[in-house]
Amino acid sequence: MLAAAEAGADVVDVAIDAMSGVTSQPSMGAVIASLEASGLNTGIEMEDVMTMNAYWEDVRGVYSPFESGLKSGAADVYEHEMPGGRYTNLKFQAASLGLANSWRDVKKSYAAANRVLGDIIKVTPSSKVVGDLAQFMVQNELDEVSVVEQAEVLSFPSSVVEFLQGKIGQPVRFLGTIVISRYAPRR
């Protein structure tokens, strides 16, 4: 964030301190303080940040039973490329499907599912599509080669089918053609 600001960025993505870190954005207070120390003043008063932060600390406490239990970030994000919000949601979904003990496999399959889908830009809802395919792969003991080879006979999750039909973005690889032809209405 500091390098971006020094390079002239007008806006950077941060989170209020109480909600920052782990799979979220960097701490707003830390970025503001660092920029002030470097001579790049944001115009945001630290006292205002601290007031907002006190409120969000209390709010976060109320919702703590629903948090993922993650205590820190991990470098494997460079392998699976899962957005932060998707990470915590998918971890919860995987546990709900009985895949809690297979979380490492789900993360590896997320990267494989993304490759199968054409290395798509992962935002809501496309990151969910990749996550749904990853869980499907783990549940059915599929790797990316077997997904492609068996595409015409697999019953993919509805989000994956809708993505491949072009209802959620545009698929870019051949698997989309196989699945679309299977599910597309006949003319």
C-alpha atoms as a PDB file:
ATOM      1  CA  MET A   1       0.000   0.000   0.000  1.00  0.00           C
ATOM      2  CA  LEU A   2       2.830   2.348   0.829  1.00  0.00           C
ATOM      3  CA  ALA A   3       4.586   1.704  -2.471  1.00  0.00           C
ATOM      4  CA  ALA A   4       1.294   2.258  -4.303  1.00  0.00           C
ATOM      5  CA  ALA A   5       0.799   5.578  -2.502  1.00  0.00           C
ATOM      6  CA  GLU A   6       4.378   6.626  -3.188  1.00  0.00           C
ATOM      7  CA  ALA A   7       3.801   5.806  -6.869  1.00  0.00           C
ATOM      8  CA  GLY A   8       0.813   8.168  -6.917  1.00  0.00           C
ATOM      9  CA  ALA A   9      -2.180   5.957  -6.152  1.00  0.00           C
ATOM     10  CA  ASP A  10      -5.155   8.042  -5.041  1.00  0.00           C
ATOM     11  CA  VAL A  11      -6.976   5.124  -3.397  1.00  0.00           C
ATOM     12  CA  VAL A  12      -5.859   1.917  -1.705  1.00  0.00           C
ATOM     13  CA  ASP A  13      -8.039  -0.810  -0.188  1.00  0.00           C
ATOM     14  CA  VAL A  14      -7.810  -1.097   3.595  1.00  0.00           C
ATOM     15  CA  ALA A  15     -10.006  -2.318   6.460  1.00  0.00           C
ATOM     16  CA  ILE A  16     -10.690  -0.729   9.804  1.00  0.00           C
ATOM     17  CA  ASP A  17      -8.103  -2.116  12.233  1.00  0.00           C
ATOM     18  CA  ALA A  18     -10.493  -4.414  14.124  1.00  0.00           C
ATOM     19  CA  MET A  19     -11.536  -6.100  10.872  1.00  0.00           C
ATOM     20  CA  SER A  20      -8.155  -6.150   9.110  1.00  0.00           C
ATOM     21  CA  GLY A  21      -5.557  -8.814   8.605  1.00  0.00           C
ATOM     22  CA  VAL A  22      -5.733 -12.600   8.085  1.00  0.00           C
ATOM     23  CA  THR A  23      -7.816 -12.822   4.861  1.00  0.00           C
ATOM     24  CA  SER A  24      -8.887  -9.177   4.926  1.00  0.00           C
ATOM     25  CA  GLN A  25      -7.215  -5.977   3.795  1.00  0.00           C
ATOM     26  CA  PRO A  26      -4.360  -4.302   5.706  1.00  0.00           C
ATOM     27  CA  SER A  27      -5.045  -2.174   8.766  1.00  0.00           C
ATOM     28  CA  MET A  28      -6.347   1.305   7.949  1.00  0.00           C
ATOM     29  CA  GLY A  29      -4.699   2.786  11.033  1.00  0.00           C
ATOM     30  CA  ALA A  30      -1.332   1.245  10.208  1.00  0.00           C
ATOM     31  CA  VAL A  31      -1.445   2.493   6.618  1.00  0.00           C
ATOM     32  CA  ILE A  32      -2.477   6.003   7.674  1.00  0.00           C
ATOM     33  CA  ALA A  33       0.232   6.163  10.358  1.00  0.00           C
ATOM     34  CA  SER A  34       2.867   4.846   7.944  1.00  0.00           C
ATOM     35  CA  LEU A  35       1.883   7.345   5.265  1.00  0.00           C
ATOM     36  CA  GLU A  36       1.992  10.204   7.759  1.00  0.00           C
ATOM     37  CA  ALA A  37       5.473   9.093   8.847  1.00  0.00           C
ATOM     38  CA  SER A  38       6.610   9.049   5.204  1.00  0.00           C
ATOM     39  CA  GLY A  39       5.283  12.540   4.553  1.00  0.00           C
ATOM     40  CA  LEU A  40       2.221  11.434   2.585  1.00  0.00           C
ATOM     41  CA  ASN A  41      -0.699  12.672   4.653  1.00  0.00           C
ATOM     42  CA  THR A  42      -4.093  11.126   3.919  1.00  0.00           C
ATOM     43  CA  GLY A  43      -6.055  13.884   5.645  1.00  0.00           C
ATOM     44  CA  ILE A  44      -7.724  11.258   7.826  1.00  0.00           C
ATOM     45  CA  GLU A  45      -7.368  11.940  11.536  1.00  0.00           C
ATOM     46  CA  MET A  46      -6.071   9.020  13.599  1.00  0.00           C
ATOM     47  CA  GLU A  47      -8.478   9.981  16.394  1.00  0.00           C
ATOM     48  CA  ASP A  48     -11.392   9.401  13.988  1.00  0.00           C
ATOM     49  CA  VAL A  49      -9.948   6.037  13.007  1.00  0.00           C
ATOM     50  CA  MET A  50      -9.608   5.054  16.662  1.00  0.00           C
ATOM     51  CA  THR A  51     -13.226   6.050  17.362  1.00  0.00           C
ATOM     52  CA  MET A  52     -14.489   3.933  14.460  1.00  0.00           C
ATOM     53  CA  ASN A  53     -12.193   1.098  15.454  1.00  0.00           C
ATOM     54  CA  ALA A  54     -13.582   1.033  19.020  1.00  0.00           C
ATOM     55  CA  TYR A  55     -17.073   0.570  17.594  1.00  0.00           C
ATOM     56  CA  TRP A  56     -16.000  -2.237  15.232  1.00  0.00           C
ATOM     57  CA  GLU A  57     -14.048  -4.018  17.986  1.00  0.00           C
ATOM     58  CA  ASP A  58     -17.336  -4.312  19.902  1.00  0.00           C
ATOM     59  CA  VAL A  59     -19.266  -5.420  16.812  1.00  0.00           C
ATOM     60  CA  ARG A  60     -16.671  -8.035  15.939  1.00  0.00           C
ATOM     61  CA  GLY A  61     -16.973  -9.477  19.436  1.00  0.00           C
ATOM     62  CA  VAL A  62     -20.680 -10.078  18.881  1.00  0.00           C
ATOM     63  CA  TYR A  63     -20.005 -11.995  15.678  1.00  0.00           C
ATOM     64  CA  SER A  64     -16.921 -13.902  16.869  1.00  0.00           C
ATOM     65  CA  PRO A  65     -18.810 -17.232  17.169  1.00  0.00           C
ATOM     66  CA  PHE A  66     -19.323 -17.085  13.390  1.00  0.00           C
ATOM     67  CA  GLU A  67     -15.694 -16.436  12.473  1.00  0.00           C
ATOM     68  CA  SER A  68     -13.600 -19.023  10.691  1.00  0.00           C
ATOM     69  CA  GLY A  69     -11.110 -19.555  13.484  1.00  0.00           C
ATOM     70  CA  LEU A  70      -8.195 -18.478  11.298  1.00  0.00           C
ATOM     71  CA  LYS A  71      -5.413 -16.916  13.350  1.00  0.00           C
ATOM     72  CA  SER A  72      -3.040 -15.795  10.608  1.00  0.00           C
ATOM     73  CA  GLY A  73      -2.522 -15.484   6.893  1.00  0.00           C
ATOM     74  CA  ALA A  74      -0.649 -18.160   4.946  1.00  0.00           C
ATOM     75  CA  ALA A  75       1.696 -18.090   1.976  1.00  0.00           C
ATOM     76  CA  ASP A  76      -0.249 -20.834   0.184  1.00  0.00           C
ATOM     77  CA  VAL A  77      -2.479 -18.053  -1.137  1.00  0.00           C
ATOM     78  CA  TYR A  78       0.141 -17.782  -3.884  1.00  0.00           C
ATOM     79  CA  GLU A  79      -0.673 -21.384  -4.837  1.00  0.00           C
ATOM     80  CA  HIS A  80      -4.491 -21.428  -4.663  1.00  0.00           C
ATOM     81  CA  GLU A  81      -5.093 -17.699  -5.412  1.00  0.00           C
ATOM     82  CA  MET A  82      -8.300 -17.715  -3.391  1.00  0.00           C
ATOM     83  CA  PRO A  83      -9.704 -14.284  -2.485  1.00  0.00           C
ATOM     84  CA  GLY A  84      -9.886 -13.682   1.277  1.00  0.00           C
ATOM     85  CA  GLY A  85     -13.656 -13.645   1.631  1.00  0.00           C
ATOM     86  CA  ARG A  86     -13.944 -16.772  -0.498  1.00  0.00           C
ATOM     87  CA  TYR A  87     -11.316 -18.468   1.685  1.00  0.00           C
ATOM     88  CA  THR A  88     -13.268 -18.076   4.905  1.00  0.00           C
ATOM     89  CA  ASN A  89     -16.614 -18.856   3.246  1.00  0.00           C
ATOM     90  CA  LEU A  90     -15.252 -21.924   1.468  1.00  0.00           C
ATOM     91  CA  LYS A  91     -13.626 -23.194   4.653  1.00  0.00           C
ATOM     92  CA  PHE A  92     -17.024 -23.026   6.376  1.00  0.00           C
ATOM     93  CA  GLN A  93     -18.793 -24.621   3.391  1.00  0.00           C
ATOM     94  CA  ALA A  94     -16.218 -27.407   3.198  1.00  0.00           C
ATOM     95  CA  ALA A  95     -16.730 -28.172   6.883  1.00  0.00           C
ATOM     96  CA  SER A  96     -20.505 -28.188   6.342  1.00  0.00           C
ATOM     97  CA  LEU A  97     -20.043 -30.769   3.583  1.00  0.00           C
ATOM     98  CA  GLY A  98     -17.902 -32.972   5.809  1.00  0.00           C
ATOM     99  CA  LEU A  99     -14.674 -31.904   4.111  1.00  0.00           C
ATOM    100  CA  ALA A 100     -13.057 -30.182   7.118  1.00  0.00           C
ATOM    101  CA  ASN A 101     -10.350 -32.836   7.285  1.00  0.00           C
ATOM    102  CA  SER A 102      -9.761 -32.406   3.546  1.00  0.00           C
ATOM    103  CA  TRP A 103      -9.240 -28.612   3.662  1.00  0.00           C
ATOM    104  CA  ARG A 104      -5.723 -28.909   2.196  1.00  0.00           C
ATOM    105  CA  ASP A 105      -7.155 -30.924  -0.700  1.00  0.00           C
ATOM    106  CA  VAL A 106      -9.918 -28.347  -1.202  1.00  0.00           C
ATOM    107  CA  LYS A 107      -7.310 -25.563  -1.422  1.00  0.00           C
ATOM    108  CA  LYS A 108      -5.236 -27.539  -3.942  1.00  0.00           C
ATOM    109  CA  SER A 109      -8.369 -28.363  -5.908  1.00  0.00           C
ATOM    110  CA  TYR A 110      -9.316 -24.674  -5.915  1.00  0.00           C
ATOM    111  CA  ALA A 111      -6.181 -23.955  -7.944  1.00  0.00           C
ATOM    112  CA  ALA A 112      -6.897 -26.928 -10.225  1.00  0.00           C
ATOM    113  CA  ALA A 113     -10.554 -25.923 -10.656  1.00  0.00           C
ATOM    114  CA  ASN A 114      -9.456 -22.409 -11.568  1.00  0.00           C
ATOM    115  CA  ARG A 115      -7.143 -23.787 -14.249  1.00  0.00           C
ATOM    116  CA  VAL A 116      -9.932 -26.010 -15.622  1.00  0.00           C
ATOM    117  CA  LEU A 117     -12.222 -22.978 -15.825  1.00  0.00           C
ATOM    118  CA  GLY A 118      -9.601 -20.970 -17.695  1.00  0.00           C
ATOM    119  CA  ASP A 119      -7.766 -19.100 -14.914  1.00  0.00           C
ATOM    120  CA  ILE A 120     -10.714 -16.785 -14.456  1.00  0.00           C
ATOM    121  CA  ILE A 121     -10.849 -13.511 -12.580  1.00  0.00           C
ATOM    122  CA  LYS A 122     -12.103 -14.513  -9.166  1.00  0.00           C
ATOM    123  CA  VAL A 123     -14.657 -12.109  -7.746  1.00  0.00           C
ATOM    124  CA  THR A 124     -18.145 -12.721  -6.406  1.00  0.00           C
ATOM    125  CA  PRO A 125     -19.745 -14.875  -7.867  1.00  0.00           C
ATOM    126  CA  SER A 126     -16.973 -16.392 -10.012  1.00  0.00           C
ATOM    127  CA  SER A 127     -14.839 -17.243  -6.965  1.00  0.00           C
ATOM    128  CA  LYS A 128     -17.806 -19.266  -5.650  1.00  0.00           C
ATOM    129  CA  VAL A 129     -17.990 -21.161  -8.942  1.00  0.00           C
ATOM    130  CA  VAL A 130     -14.329 -22.139  -8.581  1.00  0.00           C
ATOM    131  CA  GLY A 131     -14.917 -23.116  -4.944  1.00  0.00           C
ATOM    132  CA  ASP A 132     -17.966 -25.211  -5.822  1.00  0.00           C
ATOM    133  CA  LEU A 133     -15.971 -27.046  -8.493  1.00  0.00           C
ATOM    134  CA  ALA A 134     -13.068 -27.554  -6.071  1.00  0.00           C
ATOM    135  CA  GLN A 135     -15.340 -29.147  -3.470  1.00  0.00           C
ATOM    136  CA  PHE A 136     -16.982 -31.262  -6.173  1.00  0.00           C
ATOM    137  CA  MET A 137     -13.536 -32.460  -7.239  1.00  0.00           C
ATOM    138  CA  VAL A 138     -12.557 -33.417  -3.684  1.00  0.00           C
ATOM    139  CA  GLN A 139     -15.889 -35.130  -2.978  1.00  0.00           C
ATOM    140  CA  ASN A 140     -15.582 -37.175  -6.174  1.00  0.00           C
ATOM    141  CA  GLU A 141     -11.807 -37.725  -5.986  1.00  0.00           C
ATOM    142  CA  LEU A 142     -11.195 -35.952  -9.307  1.00  0.00           C
ATOM    143  CA  ASP A 143      -8.120 -34.122 -10.505  1.00  0.00           C
ATOM    144  CA  GLU A 144      -8.153 -31.548 -13.269  1.00  0.00           C
ATOM    145  CA  VAL A 145      -7.313 -34.101 -15.975  1.00  0.00           C
ATOM    146  CA  SER A 146     -10.180 -36.391 -14.966  1.00  0.00           C
ATOM    147  CA  VAL A 147     -12.597 -33.439 -14.816  1.00  0.00           C
ATOM    148  CA  VAL A 148     -11.793 -32.574 -18.411  1.00  0.00           C
ATOM    149  CA  GLU A 149     -11.775 -36.196 -19.602  1.00  0.00           C
ATOM    150  CA  GLN A 150     -15.109 -36.985 -17.907  1.00  0.00           C
ATOM    151  CA  ALA A 151     -16.789 -33.608 -18.458  1.00  0.00           C
ATOM    152  CA  GLU A 152     -19.619 -34.993 -20.579  1.00  0.00           C
ATOM    153  CA  VAL A 153     -20.723 -37.497 -17.932  1.00  0.00           C
ATOM    154  CA  LEU A 154     -20.175 -35.542 -14.699  1.00  0.00           C
ATOM    155  CA  SER A 155     -23.051 -33.825 -12.898  1.00  0.00           C
ATOM    156  CA  PHE A 156     -21.375 -30.521 -12.122  1.00  0.00           C
ATOM    157  CA  PRO A 157     -22.701 -28.161  -9.431  1.00  0.00           C
ATOM    158  CA  SER A 158     -25.342 -25.781 -10.809  1.00  0.00           C
ATOM    159  CA  SER A 159     -23.086 -22.737 -10.340  1.00  0.00           C
ATOM    160  CA  VAL A 160     -20.445 -24.353 -12.563  1.00  0.00           C
ATOM    161  CA  VAL A 161     -23.018 -25.233 -15.230  1.00  0.00           C
ATOM    162  CA  GLU A 162     -24.418 -21.676 -15.151  1.00  0.00           C
ATOM    163  CA  PHE A 163     -20.916 -20.244 -15.488  1.00  0.00           C
ATOM    164  CA  LEU A 164     -20.154 -22.540 -18.424  1.00  0.00           C
ATOM    165  CA  GLN A 165     -23.438 -21.538 -20.042  1.00  0.00           C
ATOM    166  CA  GLY A 166     -22.342 -17.900 -19.868  1.00  0.00           C
ATOM    167  CA  LYS A 167     -24.850 -16.888 -17.199  1.00  0.00           C
ATOM    168  CA  ILE A 168     -22.059 -15.915 -14.781  1.00  0.00           C
ATOM    169  CA  GLY A 169     -19.290 -14.393 -16.905  1.00  0.00           C
ATOM    170  CA  GLN A 170     -17.766 -15.927 -20.002  1.00  0.00           C
ATOM    171  CA  PRO A 171     -15.902 -19.250 -19.965  1.00  0.00           C
ATOM    172  CA  VAL A 172     -12.663 -19.209 -21.925  1.00  0.00           C
ATOM    173  CA  ARG A 173     -11.533 -22.825 -22.303  1.00  0.00           C
ATOM    174  CA  PHE A 174     -12.710 -25.919 -24.130  1.00  0.00           C
ATOM    175  CA  LEU A 175     -14.381 -27.491 -21.083  1.00  0.00           C
ATOM    176  CA  GLY A 176     -17.000 -24.765 -21.343  1.00  0.00           C
ATOM    177  CA  THR A 177     -17.879 -25.909 -24.858  1.00  0.00           C
ATOM    178  CA  ILE A 178     -18.279 -29.524 -23.754  1.00  0.00           C
ATOM    179  CA  VAL A 179     -20.529 -28.677 -20.823  1.00  0.00           C
ATOM    180  CA  ILE A 180     -22.491 -25.950 -22.589  1.00  0.00           C
ATOM    181  CA  SER A 181     -23.335 -28.319 -25.426  1.00  0.00           C
ATOM    182  CA  ARG A 182     -24.581 -30.874 -22.922  1.00  0.00           C
ATOM    183  CA  TYR A 183     -26.840 -28.486 -21.034  1.00  0.00           C
ATOM    184  CA  ALA A 184     -27.781 -25.958 -23.705  1.00  0.00           C
ATOM    185  CA  PRO A 185     -31.345 -26.212 -25.013  1.00  0.00           C
ATOM    186  CA  ARG A 186     -31.615 -27.925 -28.399  1.00  0.00           C
ATOM    187  CA  ARG A 187     -32.862 -25.771 -31.278  1.00  0.00           C
END
